[in-house]
Amino acid sequence: MNEDTYKTIAAPAEGIYTEKRSKFIATALPVRTVADVKAHVESFQKKYYDARHVCYAYMLGHERKDFRANDNGEPSGTAGKPILGQINSNELTDILVIVVRYFGGIKLGTSGLIVAYRTAAAEALGAATILEKTVDETVTVFFEYPFMNDVMRIVKEEGPAITSQGYDTDCNMTLCIRRSRMPRLKERLGKVETLRIQEENETPKLP
């Protein structure tokens, strides 16, 4: 997988697995933040208030470094970890997988639980539409009006999206482009007279 692409899911998807009368309902959800995760988990806990366990795992960010697994009362490592394992084996991110368990009266044992949670998560992910997205970067440029044509020619040829633009004393434009193509865009823009580049996380400098 390229360093400026990542895989996620297009829309929620469900899967169901039954073992010894225990029912495991898995739902895969696209998420962007921990707040999204929290809201979904709370919603599922209310919706399935009569279920024995509401276990989950999530992965956030294109670098796939922000993740968590929760067993919600199941023996440690038997629920959240196998769910997270399925997210990892599919190389997905910006995703939450929740598995709700209705206990059927027969204990499954730790190995049985691991298989059940893993299989339920796999069912939901198997039903999902997987998308490959690009990691995009944003840059804002400031330049004098007479150089607008020079800037617009570069924008047309390199193809970044213009996310905002303004015409005050100076012209300014915020551009968004795939990470791997940003260096070339900056290099070309940097050759335009009077143009100043402001990085994405840089605060605007007062004149």
N, C-alpha and C. Protein backbone atom coordinates (compact mmCIF):
# COMPACT_ATOMS: atom_id res chain seq x y z
N MET A 1 0.84 -1.18 0.00
CA MET A 1 0.00 0.00 0.00
C MET A 1 0.89 1.25 0.00
N ASN A 2 0.56 2.21 -0.82
CA ASN A 2 1.35 3.44 -0.89
C ASN A 2 1.24 4.21 0.40
N GLU A 3 2.28 5.01 0.69
CA GLU A 3 2.28 5.76 1.94
C GLU A 3 1.25 6.89 1.95
N ASP A 4 0.73 7.25 0.77
CA ASP A 4 -0.28 8.32 0.78
C ASP A 4 -1.67 7.81 0.41
N THR A 5 -1.90 6.52 0.66
CA THR A 5 -3.26 5.98 0.53
C THR A 5 -3.58 5.16 1.78
N TYR A 6 -4.87 5.00 2.04
CA TYR A 6 -5.29 4.15 3.15
C TYR A 6 -6.65 3.54 2.80
N LYS A 7 -6.99 2.46 3.52
CA LYS A 7 -8.26 1.79 3.23
C LYS A 7 -9.23 1.97 4.39
N THR A 8 -10.48 2.24 4.03
CA THR A 8 -11.54 2.35 5.04
C THR A 8 -12.82 1.76 4.43
N ILE A 9 -13.93 1.89 5.16
CA ILE A 9 -15.19 1.36 4.61
C ILE A 9 -16.10 2.51 4.19
N ALA A 10 -16.93 2.24 3.19
CA ALA A 10 -17.79 3.28 2.60
C ALA A 10 -19.01 3.57 3.46
N ALA A 11 -19.53 2.55 4.13
CA ALA A 11 -20.80 2.70 4.87
C ALA A 11 -20.89 1.59 5.91
N PRO A 12 -21.80 1.74 6.87
CA PRO A 12 -21.97 0.67 7.88
C PRO A 12 -22.29 -0.68 7.24
N ALA A 13 -21.83 -1.74 7.89
CA ALA A 13 -22.10 -3.11 7.40
C ALA A 13 -22.29 -4.02 8.61
N GLU A 14 -23.07 -5.08 8.42
CA GLU A 14 -23.38 -5.98 9.54
C GLU A 14 -23.03 -7.42 9.24
N GLY A 15 -22.78 -8.15 10.31
CA GLY A 15 -22.57 -9.59 10.19
C GLY A 15 -23.09 -10.26 11.44
N ILE A 16 -23.57 -11.50 11.32
CA ILE A 16 -24.09 -12.22 12.50
C ILE A 16 -23.45 -13.61 12.57
N TYR A 17 -23.09 -14.01 13.79
CA TYR A 17 -22.51 -15.34 14.00
C TYR A 17 -23.19 -15.95 15.22
N THR A 18 -23.57 -17.20 15.11
CA THR A 18 -24.22 -17.89 16.24
C THR A 18 -23.39 -19.11 16.62
N GLU A 19 -23.19 -19.28 17.91
CA GLU A 19 -22.43 -20.43 18.41
C GLU A 19 -23.03 -20.86 19.75
N LYS A 20 -23.47 -22.14 19.84
CA LYS A 20 -24.06 -22.69 21.08
C LYS A 20 -25.09 -21.74 21.69
N ARG A 21 -25.97 -21.28 20.85
CA ARG A 21 -27.10 -20.41 21.23
C ARG A 21 -26.68 -18.99 21.59
N SER A 22 -25.40 -18.70 21.67
CA SER A 22 -24.97 -17.31 21.84
C SER A 22 -25.01 -16.64 20.47
N LYS A 23 -25.54 -15.42 20.44
CA LYS A 23 -25.65 -14.70 19.17
C LYS A 23 -24.72 -13.50 19.19
N PHE A 24 -23.90 -13.37 18.16
CA PHE A 24 -22.94 -12.27 18.06
C PHE A 24 -23.33 -11.39 16.86
N ILE A 25 -23.74 -10.16 17.16
CA ILE A 25 -24.15 -9.23 16.09
C ILE A 25 -23.03 -8.20 15.91
N ALA A 26 -22.40 -8.23 14.75
CA ALA A 26 -21.26 -7.33 14.49
C ALA A 26 -21.67 -6.22 13.54
N THR A 27 -21.22 -5.01 13.86
CA THR A 27 -21.47 -3.86 12.98
C THR A 27 -20.16 -3.11 12.77
N ALA A 28 -19.82 -2.89 11.51
CA ALA A 28 -18.63 -2.10 11.15
C ALA A 28 -19.11 -0.70 10.76
N LEU A 29 -18.47 0.31 11.32
CA LEU A 29 -18.91 1.70 11.09
C LEU A 29 -17.73 2.59 10.70
N PRO A 30 -17.92 3.45 9.69
CA PRO A 30 -16.85 4.40 9.38
C PRO A 30 -16.84 5.52 10.44
N VAL A 31 -15.67 5.84 10.98
CA VAL A 31 -15.53 6.90 12.00
C VAL A 31 -14.29 7.73 11.69
N ARG A 32 -14.25 8.97 12.22
CA ARG A 32 -13.07 9.81 12.01
C ARG A 32 -12.37 10.19 13.31
N THR A 33 -13.12 10.20 14.42
CA THR A 33 -12.56 10.67 15.69
C THR A 33 -12.96 9.76 16.84
N VAL A 34 -12.27 9.94 17.97
CA VAL A 34 -12.61 9.19 19.19
C VAL A 34 -14.02 9.58 19.66
N ALA A 35 -14.40 10.84 19.43
CA ALA A 35 -15.76 11.29 19.79
C ALA A 35 -16.81 10.51 18.99
N ASP A 36 -16.53 10.25 17.70
CA ASP A 36 -17.44 9.43 16.88
C ASP A 36 -17.58 8.03 17.50
N VAL A 37 -16.44 7.46 17.87
CA VAL A 37 -16.42 6.12 18.46
C VAL A 37 -17.29 6.09 19.72
N LYS A 38 -17.05 7.06 20.61
CA LYS A 38 -17.77 7.13 21.89
C LYS A 38 -19.28 7.23 21.65
N ALA A 39 -19.68 8.08 20.70
CA ALA A 39 -21.11 8.27 20.42
C ALA A 39 -21.74 6.97 19.92
N HIS A 40 -21.06 6.27 19.02
CA HIS A 40 -21.60 5.00 18.49
C HIS A 40 -21.69 3.94 19.58
N VAL A 41 -20.64 3.83 20.40
CA VAL A 41 -20.63 2.80 21.46
C VAL A 41 -21.77 3.07 22.44
N GLU A 42 -21.94 4.33 22.83
CA GLU A 42 -23.03 4.67 23.76
C GLU A 42 -24.40 4.36 23.14
N SER A 43 -24.54 4.66 21.87
CA SER A 43 -25.80 4.39 21.16
C SER A 43 -26.10 2.88 21.13
N PHE A 44 -25.06 2.07 20.87
CA PHE A 44 -25.25 0.61 20.82
C PHE A 44 -25.56 0.05 22.21
N GLN A 45 -24.91 0.63 23.24
CA GLN A 45 -25.18 0.15 24.60
C GLN A 45 -26.63 0.42 25.00
N LYS A 46 -27.19 1.54 24.51
CA LYS A 46 -28.60 1.84 24.79
C LYS A 46 -29.52 0.93 23.96
N LYS A 47 -29.18 0.80 22.67
CA LYS A 47 -30.02 0.00 21.76
C LYS A 47 -30.05 -1.47 22.19
N TYR A 48 -28.90 -2.00 22.59
CA TYR A 48 -28.80 -3.42 22.99
C TYR A 48 -28.63 -3.52 24.50
N TYR A 49 -29.46 -2.78 25.23
CA TYR A 49 -29.33 -2.71 26.70
C TYR A 49 -29.50 -4.08 27.36
N ASP A 50 -30.20 -5.00 26.66
CA ASP A 50 -30.45 -6.32 27.23
C ASP A 50 -29.40 -7.36 26.83
N ALA A 51 -28.37 -6.91 26.10
CA ALA A 51 -27.30 -7.85 25.68
C ALA A 51 -26.30 -8.03 26.83
N ARG A 52 -25.63 -9.18 26.83
CA ARG A 52 -24.66 -9.46 27.90
C ARG A 52 -23.40 -8.59 27.73
N HIS A 53 -22.92 -8.45 26.50
CA HIS A 53 -21.67 -7.69 26.26
C HIS A 53 -21.78 -6.87 24.98
N VAL A 54 -21.19 -5.66 25.01
CA VAL A 54 -21.05 -4.83 23.81
C VAL A 54 -19.55 -4.53 23.68
N CYS A 55 -18.88 -5.36 22.89
CA CYS A 55 -17.42 -5.26 22.76
C CYS A 55 -17.05 -4.55 21.46
N TYR A 56 -15.87 -3.95 21.41
CA TYR A 56 -15.51 -3.21 20.20
C TYR A 56 -14.01 -3.03 20.04
N ALA A 57 -13.63 -2.60 18.86
CA ALA A 57 -12.26 -2.17 18.58
C ALA A 57 -12.33 -1.11 17.49
N TYR A 58 -11.38 -0.18 17.54
CA TYR A 58 -11.35 0.85 16.49
C TYR A 58 -9.91 1.14 16.07
N MET A 59 -9.79 1.72 14.89
CA MET A 59 -8.50 2.16 14.35
C MET A 59 -8.76 3.51 13.68
N LEU A 60 -7.91 4.49 13.99
CA LEU A 60 -8.09 5.84 13.44
C LEU A 60 -6.80 6.35 12.80
N GLY A 61 -6.96 7.20 11.78
CA GLY A 61 -5.82 7.89 11.18
C GLY A 61 -5.13 7.08 10.10
N HIS A 62 -4.63 7.77 9.08
CA HIS A 62 -4.01 7.04 7.96
C HIS A 62 -2.73 6.33 8.37
N GLU A 63 -2.11 6.75 9.48
CA GLU A 63 -0.88 6.07 9.93
C GLU A 63 -1.20 4.83 10.75
N ARG A 64 -2.47 4.65 11.10
CA ARG A 64 -2.96 3.47 11.83
C ARG A 64 -2.23 3.29 13.17
N LYS A 65 -2.09 4.40 13.90
CA LYS A 65 -1.41 4.33 15.21
C LYS A 65 -2.36 4.57 16.38
N ASP A 66 -3.59 5.02 16.10
CA ASP A 66 -4.55 5.33 17.16
C ASP A 66 -5.62 4.23 17.17
N PHE A 67 -5.49 3.31 18.13
CA PHE A 67 -6.43 2.18 18.15
C PHE A 67 -6.69 1.74 19.59
N ARG A 68 -7.78 1.00 19.73
CA ARG A 68 -8.12 0.48 21.06
C ARG A 68 -9.02 -0.74 20.90
N ALA A 69 -8.92 -1.66 21.86
CA ALA A 69 -9.79 -2.83 21.88
C ALA A 69 -10.43 -2.91 23.27
N ASN A 70 -11.72 -3.21 23.32
CA ASN A 70 -12.43 -3.25 24.60
C ASN A 70 -13.21 -4.56 24.73
N ASP A 71 -12.96 -5.28 25.83
CA ASP A 71 -13.60 -6.58 26.04
C ASP A 71 -14.96 -6.49 26.73
N ASN A 72 -15.29 -5.34 27.32
CA ASN A 72 -16.58 -5.11 27.97
C ASN A 72 -17.03 -6.28 28.85
N GLY A 73 -16.13 -6.72 29.70
CA GLY A 73 -16.51 -7.76 30.66
C GLY A 73 -16.23 -9.19 30.24
N GLU A 74 -15.90 -9.41 28.98
CA GLU A 74 -15.48 -10.75 28.55
C GLU A 74 -14.06 -11.00 29.10
N PRO A 75 -13.64 -12.27 29.21
CA PRO A 75 -12.27 -12.52 29.67
C PRO A 75 -11.25 -11.75 28.82
N SER A 76 -10.23 -11.22 29.47
CA SER A 76 -9.27 -10.34 28.80
C SER A 76 -8.70 -10.95 27.52
N GLY A 77 -8.75 -10.17 26.45
CA GLY A 77 -8.16 -10.60 25.17
C GLY A 77 -9.04 -11.50 24.32
N THR A 78 -10.26 -11.79 24.78
CA THR A 78 -11.10 -12.74 24.02
C THR A 78 -12.08 -12.05 23.06
N ALA A 79 -12.24 -10.72 23.17
CA ALA A 79 -13.25 -10.04 22.35
C ALA A 79 -12.65 -8.89 21.55
N GLY A 80 -12.22 -7.83 22.25
CA GLY A 80 -11.68 -6.66 21.55
C GLY A 80 -10.48 -6.97 20.68
N LYS A 81 -9.59 -7.82 21.20
CA LYS A 81 -8.35 -8.14 20.47
C LYS A 81 -8.62 -8.88 19.16
N PRO A 82 -9.46 -9.94 19.17
CA PRO A 82 -9.77 -10.60 17.89
C PRO A 82 -10.52 -9.69 16.90
N ILE A 83 -11.33 -8.75 17.43
CA ILE A 83 -12.02 -7.79 16.54
C ILE A 83 -10.96 -6.90 15.89
N LEU A 84 -10.04 -6.38 16.72
CA LEU A 84 -8.97 -5.52 16.20
C LEU A 84 -8.11 -6.29 15.20
N GLY A 85 -7.91 -7.58 15.46
CA GLY A 85 -7.12 -8.42 14.55
C GLY A 85 -7.72 -8.45 13.15
N GLN A 86 -9.06 -8.47 13.08
CA GLN A 86 -9.72 -8.47 11.77
C GLN A 86 -9.56 -7.11 11.06
N ILE A 87 -9.61 -6.03 11.84
CA ILE A 87 -9.38 -4.69 11.26
C ILE A 87 -7.97 -4.64 10.68
N ASN A 88 -7.01 -5.18 11.46
CA ASN A 88 -5.61 -5.18 11.01
C ASN A 88 -5.38 -6.06 9.80
N SER A 89 -5.99 -7.25 9.79
CA SER A 89 -5.73 -8.15 8.66
C SER A 89 -6.30 -7.61 7.36
N ASN A 90 -7.29 -6.72 7.47
CA ASN A 90 -7.84 -6.06 6.28
C ASN A 90 -7.19 -4.71 6.00
N GLU A 91 -6.21 -4.34 6.86
CA GLU A 91 -5.47 -3.07 6.72
C GLU A 91 -6.39 -1.86 6.68
N LEU A 92 -7.41 -1.87 7.53
CA LEU A 92 -8.40 -0.79 7.52
C LEU A 92 -8.11 0.26 8.58
N THR A 93 -8.61 1.46 8.37
CA THR A 93 -8.55 2.50 9.39
C THR A 93 -9.80 3.38 9.29
N ASP A 94 -9.89 4.35 10.24
CA ASP A 94 -11.10 5.18 10.35
C ASP A 94 -12.32 4.26 10.41
N ILE A 95 -12.21 3.26 11.30
CA ILE A 95 -13.26 2.24 11.40
C ILE A 95 -13.47 1.82 12.85
N LEU A 96 -14.72 1.53 13.18
CA LEU A 96 -15.11 0.98 14.48
C LEU A 96 -15.89 -0.29 14.21
N VAL A 97 -15.54 -1.37 14.88
CA VAL A 97 -16.33 -2.61 14.77
C VAL A 97 -16.85 -2.94 16.17
N ILE A 98 -18.17 -2.99 16.28
CA ILE A 98 -18.83 -3.33 17.55
C ILE A 98 -19.46 -4.71 17.41
N VAL A 99 -19.22 -5.57 18.41
CA VAL A 99 -19.87 -6.89 18.41
C VAL A 99 -20.70 -7.02 19.69
N VAL A 100 -21.99 -7.20 19.50
CA VAL A 100 -22.93 -7.34 20.62
C VAL A 100 -23.18 -8.84 20.83
N ARG A 101 -23.06 -9.27 22.09
CA ARG A 101 -23.27 -10.70 22.36
C ARG A 101 -24.51 -10.92 23.24
N TYR A 102 -25.39 -11.76 22.72
CA TYR A 102 -26.49 -12.26 23.54
C TYR A 102 -26.11 -13.66 24.00
N PHE A 103 -25.98 -13.84 25.31
CA PHE A 103 -25.52 -15.11 25.88
C PHE A 103 -26.61 -16.17 25.76
N GLY A 104 -26.20 -17.34 25.28
CA GLY A 104 -27.18 -18.41 25.06
C GLY A 104 -27.25 -19.42 26.17
N GLY A 105 -26.52 -19.19 27.28
CA GLY A 105 -26.61 -20.11 28.42
C GLY A 105 -25.51 -21.16 28.46
N ILE A 106 -24.77 -21.29 27.36
CA ILE A 106 -23.67 -22.28 27.33
C ILE A 106 -22.35 -21.52 27.19
N LYS A 107 -21.44 -21.76 28.13
CA LYS A 107 -20.14 -21.06 28.06
C LYS A 107 -19.32 -21.58 26.88
N LEU A 108 -18.62 -20.66 26.24
CA LEU A 108 -17.84 -21.03 25.04
C LEU A 108 -16.36 -21.27 25.35
N GLY A 109 -15.91 -20.83 26.52
CA GLY A 109 -14.48 -20.94 26.82
C GLY A 109 -13.70 -19.85 26.09
N THR A 110 -12.47 -19.62 26.53
CA THR A 110 -11.71 -18.50 25.94
C THR A 110 -11.45 -18.70 24.45
N SER A 111 -11.07 -19.91 24.04
CA SER A 111 -10.79 -20.13 22.61
C SER A 111 -12.07 -20.00 21.78
N GLY A 112 -13.20 -20.46 22.34
CA GLY A 112 -14.48 -20.34 21.64
C GLY A 112 -14.91 -18.89 21.48
N LEU A 113 -14.65 -18.09 22.52
CA LEU A 113 -14.99 -16.66 22.45
C LEU A 113 -14.15 -15.96 21.40
N ILE A 114 -12.87 -16.26 21.39
CA ILE A 114 -11.96 -15.62 20.41
C ILE A 114 -12.44 -15.91 18.99
N VAL A 115 -12.76 -17.18 18.72
CA VAL A 115 -13.24 -17.57 17.39
C VAL A 115 -14.55 -16.86 17.07
N ALA A 116 -15.45 -16.78 18.04
CA ALA A 116 -16.76 -16.17 17.80
C ALA A 116 -16.65 -14.67 17.49
N TYR A 117 -15.88 -13.95 18.30
CA TYR A 117 -15.74 -12.51 18.07
C TYR A 117 -14.99 -12.23 16.76
N ARG A 118 -13.97 -13.06 16.51
CA ARG A 118 -13.20 -12.89 15.26
C ARG A 118 -14.10 -13.15 14.05
N THR A 119 -14.88 -14.22 14.10
CA THR A 119 -15.74 -14.59 12.97
C THR A 119 -16.84 -13.56 12.75
N ALA A 120 -17.44 -13.07 13.84
CA ALA A 120 -18.50 -12.06 13.71
C ALA A 120 -17.94 -10.79 13.07
N ALA A 121 -16.76 -10.35 13.54
CA ALA A 121 -16.12 -9.15 12.97
C ALA A 121 -15.82 -9.37 11.49
N ALA A 122 -15.32 -10.56 11.16
CA ALA A 122 -14.97 -10.88 9.77
C ALA A 122 -16.22 -10.86 8.88
N GLU A 123 -17.35 -11.32 9.42
CA GLU A 123 -18.62 -11.30 8.68
C GLU A 123 -19.03 -9.87 8.33
N ALA A 124 -18.92 -8.97 9.32
CA ALA A 124 -19.30 -7.57 9.08
C ALA A 124 -18.35 -6.93 8.06
N LEU A 125 -17.06 -7.19 8.20
CA LEU A 125 -16.08 -6.59 7.27
C LEU A 125 -16.23 -7.19 5.88
N GLY A 126 -16.61 -8.46 5.82
CA GLY A 126 -16.83 -9.10 4.52
C GLY A 126 -18.02 -8.50 3.79
N ALA A 127 -18.97 -7.96 4.55
CA ALA A 127 -20.17 -7.36 3.94
C ALA A 127 -19.94 -5.89 3.58
N ALA A 128 -18.82 -5.32 4.04
CA ALA A 128 -18.57 -3.88 3.83
C ALA A 128 -17.95 -3.61 2.46
N THR A 129 -18.22 -2.42 1.95
CA THR A 129 -17.55 -1.96 0.73
C THR A 129 -16.29 -1.22 1.16
N ILE A 130 -15.14 -1.72 0.72
CA ILE A 130 -13.86 -1.12 1.12
C ILE A 130 -13.41 -0.09 0.09
N LEU A 131 -13.02 1.07 0.59
CA LEU A 131 -12.56 2.17 -0.26
C LEU A 131 -11.08 2.42 -0.04
N GLU A 132 -10.39 2.80 -1.09
CA GLU A 132 -9.02 3.27 -0.92
C GLU A 132 -9.05 4.79 -1.07
N LYS A 133 -8.58 5.49 -0.05
CA LYS A 133 -8.57 6.96 -0.08
C LYS A 133 -7.14 7.47 -0.09
N THR A 134 -6.98 8.70 -0.56
CA THR A 134 -5.64 9.29 -0.57
C THR A 134 -5.44 10.15 0.67
N VAL A 135 -4.20 10.20 1.12
CA VAL A 135 -3.83 11.11 2.21
C VAL A 135 -3.53 12.45 1.55
N ASP A 136 -4.33 13.45 1.88
CA ASP A 136 -4.18 14.76 1.25
C ASP A 136 -3.54 15.77 2.19
N GLU A 137 -2.86 16.72 1.61
CA GLU A 137 -2.26 17.81 2.38
C GLU A 137 -2.79 19.14 1.86
N THR A 138 -2.76 20.14 2.73
CA THR A 138 -3.29 21.46 2.39
C THR A 138 -2.20 22.51 2.52
N VAL A 139 -2.23 23.47 1.62
CA VAL A 139 -1.28 24.58 1.68
C VAL A 139 -2.03 25.87 1.31
N THR A 140 -1.66 26.97 1.95
CA THR A 140 -2.27 28.27 1.61
C THR A 140 -1.19 29.16 1.02
N VAL A 141 -1.52 29.82 -0.07
CA VAL A 141 -0.56 30.72 -0.73
C VAL A 141 -1.11 32.14 -0.77
N PHE A 142 -0.21 33.09 -0.64
CA PHE A 142 -0.54 34.52 -0.72
C PHE A 142 0.27 35.13 -1.86
N PHE A 143 -0.37 35.95 -2.69
CA PHE A 143 0.35 36.55 -3.83
C PHE A 143 -0.38 37.81 -4.27
N GLU A 144 0.31 38.62 -5.05
CA GLU A 144 -0.30 39.86 -5.54
C GLU A 144 -1.14 39.57 -6.78
N TYR A 145 -2.20 40.34 -6.94
CA TYR A 145 -3.19 40.09 -7.99
C TYR A 145 -2.61 39.93 -9.41
N PRO A 146 -1.60 40.74 -9.80
CA PRO A 146 -1.08 40.61 -11.18
C PRO A 146 -0.55 39.21 -11.51
N PHE A 147 -0.28 38.39 -10.46
CA PHE A 147 0.30 37.06 -10.71
C PHE A 147 -0.75 35.94 -10.64
N MET A 148 -2.03 36.36 -10.61
CA MET A 148 -3.14 35.40 -10.55
C MET A 148 -3.09 34.40 -11.71
N ASN A 149 -2.82 34.86 -12.92
CA ASN A 149 -2.79 33.95 -14.08
C ASN A 149 -1.71 32.90 -13.95
N ASP A 150 -0.54 33.32 -13.41
CA ASP A 150 0.57 32.36 -13.21
C ASP A 150 0.15 31.27 -12.23
N VAL A 151 -0.49 31.70 -11.15
CA VAL A 151 -0.92 30.74 -10.12
C VAL A 151 -1.99 29.81 -10.70
N MET A 152 -2.97 30.38 -11.42
CA MET A 152 -4.07 29.57 -11.94
C MET A 152 -3.59 28.57 -12.99
N ARG A 153 -2.55 28.93 -13.73
CA ARG A 153 -2.01 27.99 -14.72
C ARG A 153 -1.43 26.76 -14.01
N ILE A 154 -0.68 27.00 -12.92
CA ILE A 154 -0.09 25.89 -12.14
C ILE A 154 -1.20 25.03 -11.53
N VAL A 155 -2.23 25.69 -10.99
CA VAL A 155 -3.35 24.97 -10.37
C VAL A 155 -4.03 24.07 -11.41
N LYS A 156 -4.22 24.62 -12.61
CA LYS A 156 -4.87 23.85 -13.68
C LYS A 156 -4.02 22.64 -14.07
N GLU A 157 -2.71 22.82 -14.16
CA GLU A 157 -1.83 21.73 -14.60
C GLU A 157 -1.59 20.68 -13.52
N GLU A 158 -1.50 21.11 -12.26
CA GLU A 158 -1.20 20.16 -11.18
C GLU A 158 -2.45 19.54 -10.57
N GLY A 159 -3.58 20.23 -10.71
CA GLY A 159 -4.87 19.66 -10.31
C GLY A 159 -5.24 19.63 -8.84
N PRO A 160 -4.71 20.53 -7.98
CA PRO A 160 -5.18 20.52 -6.59
C PRO A 160 -6.61 21.07 -6.51
N ALA A 161 -7.31 20.71 -5.45
CA ALA A 161 -8.64 21.29 -5.21
C ALA A 161 -8.46 22.64 -4.52
N ILE A 162 -9.21 23.64 -4.97
CA ILE A 162 -9.18 24.95 -4.31
C ILE A 162 -10.26 24.91 -3.23
N THR A 163 -9.84 24.91 -1.95
CA THR A 163 -10.82 24.79 -0.87
C THR A 163 -11.30 26.15 -0.37
N SER A 164 -10.50 27.20 -0.60
CA SER A 164 -10.97 28.55 -0.29
C SER A 164 -10.09 29.55 -1.02
N GLN A 165 -10.62 30.74 -1.27
CA GLN A 165 -9.82 31.79 -1.89
C GLN A 165 -10.37 33.15 -1.48
N GLY A 166 -9.49 34.14 -1.45
CA GLY A 166 -9.92 35.48 -1.05
C GLY A 166 -9.11 36.52 -1.80
N TYR A 167 -9.70 37.69 -1.92
CA TYR A 167 -9.02 38.78 -2.63
C TYR A 167 -9.08 40.03 -1.76
N ASP A 168 -8.18 40.12 -0.79
CA ASP A 168 -8.10 41.33 0.01
C ASP A 168 -6.98 42.19 -0.57
N THR A 169 -6.10 42.69 0.29
CA THR A 169 -4.96 43.46 -0.22
C THR A 169 -4.14 42.54 -1.12
N ASP A 170 -3.90 41.33 -0.61
CA ASP A 170 -3.25 40.26 -1.38
C ASP A 170 -4.32 39.25 -1.76
N CYS A 171 -4.01 38.44 -2.77
CA CYS A 171 -4.88 37.28 -3.05
C CYS A 171 -4.40 36.13 -2.18
N ASN A 172 -5.33 35.28 -1.76
CA ASN A 172 -4.91 34.06 -1.05
C ASN A 172 -5.74 32.89 -1.54
N MET A 173 -5.14 31.73 -1.47
CA MET A 173 -5.80 30.54 -1.99
C MET A 173 -5.35 29.34 -1.16
N THR A 174 -6.29 28.51 -0.74
CA THR A 174 -5.95 27.29 -0.02
C THR A 174 -6.17 26.11 -0.96
N LEU A 175 -5.11 25.31 -1.10
CA LEU A 175 -5.12 24.21 -2.07
C LEU A 175 -4.94 22.88 -1.34
N CYS A 176 -5.64 21.86 -1.83
CA CYS A 176 -5.55 20.53 -1.23
C CYS A 176 -5.16 19.53 -2.32
N ILE A 177 -4.13 18.74 -2.06
CA ILE A 177 -3.65 17.78 -3.07
C ILE A 177 -3.08 16.54 -2.39
N ARG A 178 -3.05 15.45 -3.10
CA ARG A 178 -2.48 14.20 -2.59
C ARG A 178 -1.04 14.42 -2.13
N ARG A 179 -0.71 13.84 -0.98
CA ARG A 179 0.58 14.10 -0.33
C ARG A 179 1.79 13.94 -1.28
N SER A 180 1.79 12.88 -2.08
CA SER A 180 2.96 12.61 -2.94
C SER A 180 3.14 13.68 -4.01
N ARG A 181 2.07 14.46 -4.28
CA ARG A 181 2.17 15.48 -5.34
C ARG A 181 2.39 16.89 -4.78
N MET A 182 2.38 17.00 -3.45
CA MET A 182 2.54 18.32 -2.83
C MET A 182 3.92 18.95 -3.10
N PRO A 183 5.04 18.19 -3.00
CA PRO A 183 6.34 18.83 -3.21
C PRO A 183 6.46 19.52 -4.57
N ARG A 184 5.96 18.87 -5.61
CA ARG A 184 6.04 19.46 -6.95
C ARG A 184 5.17 20.73 -7.04
N LEU A 185 3.97 20.67 -6.44
CA LEU A 185 3.08 21.83 -6.44
C LEU A 185 3.77 23.01 -5.75
N LYS A 186 4.36 22.76 -4.57
CA LYS A 186 5.03 23.83 -3.83
C LYS A 186 6.22 24.38 -4.61
N GLU A 187 6.96 23.47 -5.23
CA GLU A 187 8.14 23.91 -5.99
C GLU A 187 7.73 24.87 -7.12
N ARG A 188 6.67 24.51 -7.83
CA ARG A 188 6.23 25.36 -8.94
C ARG A 188 5.65 26.69 -8.45
N LEU A 189 4.85 26.63 -7.39
CA LEU A 189 4.26 27.85 -6.85
C LEU A 189 5.34 28.79 -6.30
N GLY A 190 6.37 28.18 -5.73
CA GLY A 190 7.45 28.97 -5.13
C GLY A 190 8.20 29.83 -6.12
N LYS A 191 8.06 29.51 -7.41
CA LYS A 191 8.75 30.28 -8.46
C LYS A 191 7.93 31.49 -8.93
N VAL A 192 6.69 31.59 -8.46
CA VAL A 192 5.85 32.73 -8.86
C VAL A 192 6.28 33.96 -8.05
N GLU A 193 6.47 35.08 -8.74
CA GLU A 193 6.90 36.32 -8.07
C GLU A 193 5.90 36.73 -7.00
N THR A 194 6.39 37.23 -5.88
CA THR A 194 5.63 37.75 -4.72
C THR A 194 4.91 36.67 -3.93
N LEU A 195 4.86 35.42 -4.43
CA LEU A 195 4.05 34.40 -3.75
C LEU A 195 4.73 33.90 -2.47
N ARG A 196 3.92 33.77 -1.43
CA ARG A 196 4.40 33.28 -0.14
C ARG A 196 3.56 32.06 0.24
N ILE A 197 4.24 31.01 0.68
CA ILE A 197 3.55 29.75 1.03
C ILE A 197 3.42 29.64 2.54
N GLN A 198 2.20 29.38 3.00
CA GLN A 198 1.96 29.14 4.43
C GLN A 198 1.64 27.66 4.62
N GLU A 199 2.41 26.99 5.48
CA GLU A 199 2.18 25.56 5.70
C GLU A 199 0.86 25.35 6.43
N GLU A 200 0.39 24.11 6.37
CA GLU A 200 -0.94 23.77 6.92
C GLU A 200 -1.06 24.13 8.40
N ASN A 201 -0.01 23.85 9.20
CA ASN A 201 -0.11 24.08 10.64
C ASN A 201 0.55 25.38 11.10
N GLU A 202 0.88 26.23 10.14
CA GLU A 202 1.54 27.49 10.46
C GLU A 202 0.47 28.56 10.68
N THR A 203 0.67 29.44 11.66
CA THR A 203 -0.31 30.51 11.86
C THR A 203 0.00 31.64 10.89
N PRO A 204 -1.03 32.28 10.36
CA PRO A 204 -0.79 33.36 9.40
C PRO A 204 0.04 34.48 10.01
N LYS A 205 0.96 34.99 9.24
CA LYS A 205 1.80 36.09 9.71
C LYS A 205 1.10 37.41 9.39
N LEU A 206 1.10 38.29 10.39
CA LEU A 206 0.48 39.60 10.16
C LEU A 206 1.42 40.43 9.29
N PRO A 207 0.88 41.23 8.37
CA PRO A 207 1.73 42.05 7.51
C PRO A 207 2.46 43.12 8.30
